[in-house]
């Protein structure tokens, strides 16, 4: 599966899409959040606030969060999930975190 990366920014991304796949009652949300450090969204405003924080961090160079979308196949152009590159300038390293919706696992 080939993925397309898009900058996660309030001017370019609809936070409702993130909320729909990350809300507390979304399909497979318990498995998706089992090994990550974030909780499902209880209210839409939480997703909107996170997108704003990501936009600010991108603008300041603190880190970069992208939206991943499959280029082809059954889930083409749907939100796969966000991906984050956190930069530590003092240590001169970056850490990439990627998490995908369950239907995309193993592809």
C-alpha atoms as a PDB file:
ATOM      1  CA  UNK A   1       0.000   0.000   0.000  1.00  0.00           C
ATOM      2  CA  UNK A   2       1.401   3.377  -0.974  1.00  0.00           C
ATOM      3  CA  UNK A   3       0.580   6.313   1.236  1.00  0.00           C
ATOM      4  CA  UNK A   4       0.262   9.992   0.494  1.00  0.00           C
ATOM      5  CA  UNK A   5       1.355  12.422   3.218  1.00  0.00           C
ATOM      6  CA  UNK A   6      -0.489  15.734   3.710  1.00  0.00           C
ATOM      7  CA  UNK A   7       0.424  18.389   6.247  1.00  0.00           C
ATOM      8  CA  UNK A   8      -2.056  18.352   9.141  1.00  0.00           C
ATOM      9  CA  UNK A   9      -3.035  21.991   9.341  1.00  0.00           C
ATOM     10  CA  UNK A  10      -6.258  23.831  10.182  1.00  0.00           C
ATOM     11  CA  UNK A  11      -6.209  25.485   6.745  1.00  0.00           C
ATOM     12  CA  UNK A  12      -5.935  22.163   4.887  1.00  0.00           C
ATOM     13  CA  UNK A  13      -7.635  19.470   6.966  1.00  0.00           C
ATOM     14  CA  UNK A  14     -11.152  18.957   8.292  1.00  0.00           C
ATOM     15  CA  UNK A  15     -10.933  17.986  11.993  1.00  0.00           C
ATOM     16  CA  UNK A  16     -14.337  16.260  11.712  1.00  0.00           C
ATOM     17  CA  UNK A  17     -12.608  13.546   9.685  1.00  0.00           C
ATOM     18  CA  UNK A  18     -10.171  12.939  12.534  1.00  0.00           C
ATOM     19  CA  UNK A  19     -12.964  12.940  15.093  1.00  0.00           C
ATOM     20  CA  UNK A  20     -14.998  10.388  13.129  1.00  0.00           C
ATOM     21  CA  UNK A  21     -12.152   7.859  13.206  1.00  0.00           C
ATOM     22  CA  UNK A  22     -10.850   8.724  16.684  1.00  0.00           C
ATOM     23  CA  UNK A  23     -14.039   9.141  18.700  1.00  0.00           C
ATOM     24  CA  UNK A  24     -14.699   6.922  21.702  1.00  0.00           C
ATOM     25  CA  UNK A  25     -17.295   4.820  19.846  1.00  0.00           C
ATOM     26  CA  UNK A  26     -15.419   4.532  16.504  1.00  0.00           C
ATOM     27  CA  UNK A  27     -14.977   1.029  15.051  1.00  0.00           C
ATOM     28  CA  UNK A  28     -11.942  -0.829  16.464  1.00  0.00           C
ATOM     29  CA  UNK A  29     -10.983   2.160  18.649  1.00  0.00           C
ATOM     30  CA  UNK A  30     -10.026  -0.012  21.632  1.00  0.00           C
ATOM     31  CA  UNK A  31      -7.503  -1.976  19.577  1.00  0.00           C
ATOM     32  CA  UNK A  32      -6.204   1.172  17.914  1.00  0.00           C
ATOM     33  CA  UNK A  33      -5.534   2.967  21.206  1.00  0.00           C
ATOM     34  CA  UNK A  34      -4.203  -0.003  23.153  1.00  0.00           C
ATOM     35  CA  UNK A  35      -0.525   0.878  22.602  1.00  0.00           C
ATOM     36  CA  UNK A  36      -0.601   4.620  22.044  1.00  0.00           C
ATOM     37  CA  UNK A  37      -0.388   7.579  24.410  1.00  0.00           C
ATOM     38  CA  UNK A  38      -3.661   9.245  23.444  1.00  0.00           C
ATOM     39  CA  UNK A  39      -7.248   8.537  24.357  1.00  0.00           C
ATOM     40  CA  UNK A  40     -10.239   8.476  22.023  1.00  0.00           C
ATOM     41  CA  UNK A  41     -12.070  11.765  21.610  1.00  0.00           C
ATOM     42  CA  UNK A  42     -15.121  12.202  23.827  1.00  0.00           C
ATOM     43  CA  UNK A  43     -16.162  15.435  22.130  1.00  0.00           C
ATOM     44  CA  UNK A  44     -15.431  16.913  18.677  1.00  0.00           C
ATOM     45  CA  UNK A  45     -13.719  19.954  20.202  1.00  0.00           C
ATOM     46  CA  UNK A  46     -10.872  17.725  21.396  1.00  0.00           C
ATOM     47  CA  UNK A  47     -10.031  16.755  17.810  1.00  0.00           C
ATOM     48  CA  UNK A  48     -10.302  20.379  16.689  1.00  0.00           C
ATOM     49  CA  UNK A  49      -7.953  21.521  19.470  1.00  0.00           C
ATOM     50  CA  UNK A  50      -5.426  18.815  18.600  1.00  0.00           C
ATOM     51  CA  UNK A  51      -5.395  19.882  14.945  1.00  0.00           C
ATOM     52  CA  UNK A  52      -4.783  23.476  16.068  1.00  0.00           C
ATOM     53  CA  UNK A  53      -1.888  22.371  18.319  1.00  0.00           C
ATOM     54  CA  UNK A  54      -0.379  20.395  15.439  1.00  0.00           C
ATOM     55  CA  UNK A  55      -0.687  23.432  13.176  1.00  0.00           C
ATOM     56  CA  UNK A  56       1.062  25.646  15.721  1.00  0.00           C
ATOM     57  CA  UNK A  57       3.846  23.107  16.308  1.00  0.00           C
ATOM     58  CA  UNK A  58       4.389  22.737  12.559  1.00  0.00           C
ATOM     59  CA  UNK A  59       4.614  26.523  12.176  1.00  0.00           C
ATOM     60  CA  UNK A  60       7.135  26.860  14.998  1.00  0.00           C
ATOM     61  CA  UNK A  61       9.266  23.923  13.814  1.00  0.00           C
ATOM     62  CA  UNK A  62       8.717  21.923  17.010  1.00  0.00           C
ATOM     63  CA  UNK A  63       7.400  18.899  15.151  1.00  0.00           C
ATOM     64  CA  UNK A  64       5.526  17.931  12.019  1.00  0.00           C
ATOM     65  CA  UNK A  65       2.259  16.022  11.874  1.00  0.00           C
ATOM     66  CA  UNK A  66       0.925  14.646   8.617  1.00  0.00           C
ATOM     67  CA  UNK A  67      -2.257  12.939   7.498  1.00  0.00           C
ATOM     68  CA  UNK A  68      -1.696   9.613   5.745  1.00  0.00           C
ATOM     69  CA  UNK A  69      -3.994   8.480   2.959  1.00  0.00           C
ATOM     70  CA  UNK A  70      -3.705   5.348   0.829  1.00  0.00           C
ATOM     71  CA  UNK A  71      -3.120   6.213  -2.823  1.00  0.00           C
ATOM     72  CA  UNK A  72      -5.019   3.226  -4.192  1.00  0.00           C
ATOM     73  CA  UNK A  73      -7.078   0.198  -3.238  1.00  0.00           C
ATOM     74  CA  UNK A  74     -10.252  -0.201  -1.249  1.00  0.00           C
ATOM     75  CA  UNK A  75      -9.443   2.687   1.121  1.00  0.00           C
ATOM     76  CA  UNK A  76      -7.934   5.070  -1.452  1.00  0.00           C
ATOM     77  CA  UNK A  77      -7.950   8.695  -0.328  1.00  0.00           C
ATOM     78  CA  UNK A  78      -9.541   7.874   3.056  1.00  0.00           C
ATOM     79  CA  UNK A  79      -7.861   8.926   6.272  1.00  0.00           C
ATOM     80  CA  UNK A  80      -5.450   6.194   7.324  1.00  0.00           C
ATOM     81  CA  UNK A  81      -4.410   8.181  10.422  1.00  0.00           C
ATOM     82  CA  UNK A  82      -1.995  10.929  11.377  1.00  0.00           C
ATOM     83  CA  UNK A  83       1.749  10.470  11.500  1.00  0.00           C
ATOM     84  CA  UNK A  84       4.085  12.601  13.574  1.00  0.00           C
ATOM     85  CA  UNK A  85       7.744  13.530  13.306  1.00  0.00           C
ATOM     86  CA  UNK A  86       8.928  14.891  16.651  1.00  0.00           C
ATOM     87  CA  UNK A  87      12.244  16.718  16.455  1.00  0.00           C
ATOM     88  CA  UNK A  88      14.791  16.961  19.271  1.00  0.00           C
ATOM     89  CA  UNK A  89      17.276  19.597  18.056  1.00  0.00           C
ATOM     90  CA  UNK A  90      19.571  19.204  21.070  1.00  0.00           C
ATOM     91  CA  UNK A  91      20.153  15.536  20.283  1.00  0.00           C
ATOM     92  CA  UNK A  92      19.806  16.094  16.495  1.00  0.00           C
ATOM     93  CA  UNK A  93      17.245  13.334  16.115  1.00  0.00           C
ATOM     94  CA  UNK A  94      13.680  12.952  14.985  1.00  0.00           C
ATOM     95  CA  UNK A  95      11.232  10.269  16.031  1.00  0.00           C
ATOM     96  CA  UNK A  96       8.511   9.141  13.629  1.00  0.00           C
ATOM     97  CA  UNK A  97       5.252   7.822  14.998  1.00  0.00           C
ATOM     98  CA  UNK A  98       2.728   6.187  12.691  1.00  0.00           C
ATOM     99  CA  UNK A  99      -0.580   4.639  13.651  1.00  0.00           C
ATOM    100  CA  UNK A 100      -3.121   3.333  11.192  1.00  0.00           C
ATOM    101  CA  UNK A 101      -6.801   2.453  11.327  1.00  0.00           C
ATOM    102  CA  UNK A 102      -7.295  -1.291  11.802  1.00  0.00           C
ATOM    103  CA  UNK A 103      -8.590  -2.016   8.258  1.00  0.00           C
ATOM    104  CA  UNK A 104      -5.173  -0.900   6.976  1.00  0.00           C
ATOM    105  CA  UNK A 105      -3.068  -3.085   9.260  1.00  0.00           C
ATOM    106  CA  UNK A 106      -0.843  -5.574   7.446  1.00  0.00           C
ATOM    107  CA  UNK A 107      -1.156  -3.949   4.017  1.00  0.00           C
END
